[in-house]
Protein backbone atom coordinates (compact mmCIF):
# COMPACT_ATOMS: atom_id res chain seq x y z
CA CYS A 1 36.09 125.20 -68.43
CA ARG A 2 36.73 122.82 -71.33
CA LEU A 3 34.20 120.07 -72.01
CA ASN A 4 33.81 117.26 -74.48
CA SER A 5 30.26 117.01 -75.83
CA ALA A 6 30.56 113.20 -75.60
CA ASP A 7 30.75 113.47 -71.78
CA VAL A 8 27.75 115.76 -71.25
CA THR A 9 24.22 115.92 -72.62
CA LEU A 10 23.51 119.10 -74.54
CA PRO A 11 22.11 121.67 -74.21
CA LEU A 12 23.97 123.16 -71.25
CA ILE A 13 21.84 125.18 -68.86
CA VAL A 14 22.80 127.96 -66.45
CA ARG A 15 20.73 127.98 -63.28
CA THR A 16 21.08 128.72 -59.59
CA ARG A 17 21.57 126.17 -56.83
CA ARG A 18 18.88 123.81 -55.64
CA ILE A 19 18.50 122.06 -52.32
CA GLY A 20 20.51 118.84 -52.31
CA ASP A 21 22.69 119.71 -55.33
CA LYS A 22 25.88 117.65 -55.55
CA MET A 23 28.82 117.79 -57.90
CA ARG A 24 31.55 115.34 -58.84
CA VAL A 25 34.54 117.61 -58.20
CA LYS A 26 37.69 117.39 -60.29
CA GLY A 27 40.49 115.77 -58.29
CA LEU A 28 38.15 114.34 -55.66
CA ASP A 29 36.72 110.83 -55.42
CA GLY A 30 32.96 110.91 -55.13
CA SER A 31 30.77 113.97 -54.95
CA LYS A 32 30.47 117.06 -52.77
CA LYS A 33 27.42 119.11 -51.82
CA ILE A 34 27.21 122.52 -53.49
CA LYS A 35 26.37 123.98 -50.08
CA ASP A 36 29.71 122.72 -48.71
CA ILE A 37 31.62 124.03 -51.74
CA PHE A 38 30.17 127.51 -51.13
CA ILE A 39 31.01 127.31 -47.42
CA ASP A 40 34.60 126.16 -48.16
CA LYS A 41 35.08 129.09 -50.57
CA LYS A 42 33.52 131.50 -48.06
CA ILE A 43 30.73 132.63 -50.40
CA GLY A 44 28.21 134.62 -48.38
CA LEU A 45 24.61 133.48 -47.98
CA GLU A 46 23.33 136.47 -49.95
CA LYS A 47 25.40 135.46 -53.02
CA ARG A 48 24.77 131.70 -52.96
CA ASP A 49 21.18 131.89 -54.23
CA SER A 50 22.16 133.94 -57.29
CA TRP A 51 25.50 132.27 -58.16
CA PRO A 52 25.40 130.66 -61.64
CA ILE A 53 25.73 126.87 -61.91
CA VAL A 54 26.20 125.15 -65.28
CA VAL A 55 24.40 121.83 -65.72
CA ASP A 56 23.80 119.56 -68.68
CA SER A 57 20.27 118.65 -69.78
CA LYS A 58 20.29 115.60 -67.47
CA GLY A 59 21.05 117.81 -64.47
CA LYS A 60 24.74 116.89 -63.99
CA ILE A 61 26.59 119.88 -62.58
CA VAL A 62 29.58 120.48 -64.85
CA TRP A 63 30.89 123.80 -63.53
CA ILE A 64 30.45 126.43 -60.85
CA PRO A 65 32.00 129.51 -62.52
CA GLY A 66 34.79 131.10 -60.53
CA ILE A 67 34.68 128.36 -57.89
CA LYS A 68 34.94 124.69 -58.96
CA LYS A 69 35.28 122.52 -62.02
CA SER A 70 33.79 119.05 -62.28
CA ILE A 71 35.35 115.80 -63.36
CA TYR A 72 34.09 116.62 -66.87
CA ASP A 73 36.61 119.49 -67.28
CA LYS A 74 39.37 118.64 -69.75
CA LYS A 75 43.03 119.63 -69.84
CA LYS A 76 44.32 121.64 -72.81
CA ILE A 77 46.00 118.54 -74.22
CA ASP A 78 42.78 116.48 -74.03
CA SER A 79 40.08 116.37 -76.68
CA TYR A 80 37.31 118.94 -76.11
CA ASP A 81 34.88 120.88 -78.27
CA ILE A 82 33.16 123.20 -75.76
CA VAL A 83 34.85 126.11 -73.99
CA LEU A 84 33.04 128.06 -71.27
CA LYS A 85 34.42 131.34 -69.90
CA TYR A 86 33.42 133.39 -66.89
CA ASN A 87 34.54 136.96 -66.20
């Protein structure tokens, strides 16, 4: 995930999901519930509560590692100064 620090509020925080979490998904107009993203990707209930979610300090979800990128993700040709990796 490539981010521009001008688009997010640092520091970035890794947390687990919260009830009502929504994310502005890359390539989709509007937002989508995190619950629905997990269901669409067939992530089991036992894994959902421990799956990492990256948010900025204002609470905007910027990335769900291994699952979805937000509208804040940049292409390689765009300007970015933060790179997040997940193995």
